[in-house]
């Protein structure tokens, strides 16, 4: 096993994790900004269970989107069919 490759993999994991957490926090902040009421007050003080379920679903949806963006291949690594034909000539 190559130690350098392991180090790069760990570094990539840490960076992508931080990016994911930041994007999740940004998404939750935007949801909190758009709502016309205090989400914290409704969930904590008024014990609004349905709002808690909705906010949980929104967070889960945002996390699925963030994860799919992080996992998707970048445009710089993949080559188009036109590029592969030029290489084979």
Foldseek 3Di string as FASTA:
>chain_A
DDPVVVVVVVVLVVVLVVVLVVQLVVQLVVVCVPDPDHLCCCCPVVVPVVSVVVSVVSSVVSSVVSVCVSPDDDPVVDDDPVVVVVVVD
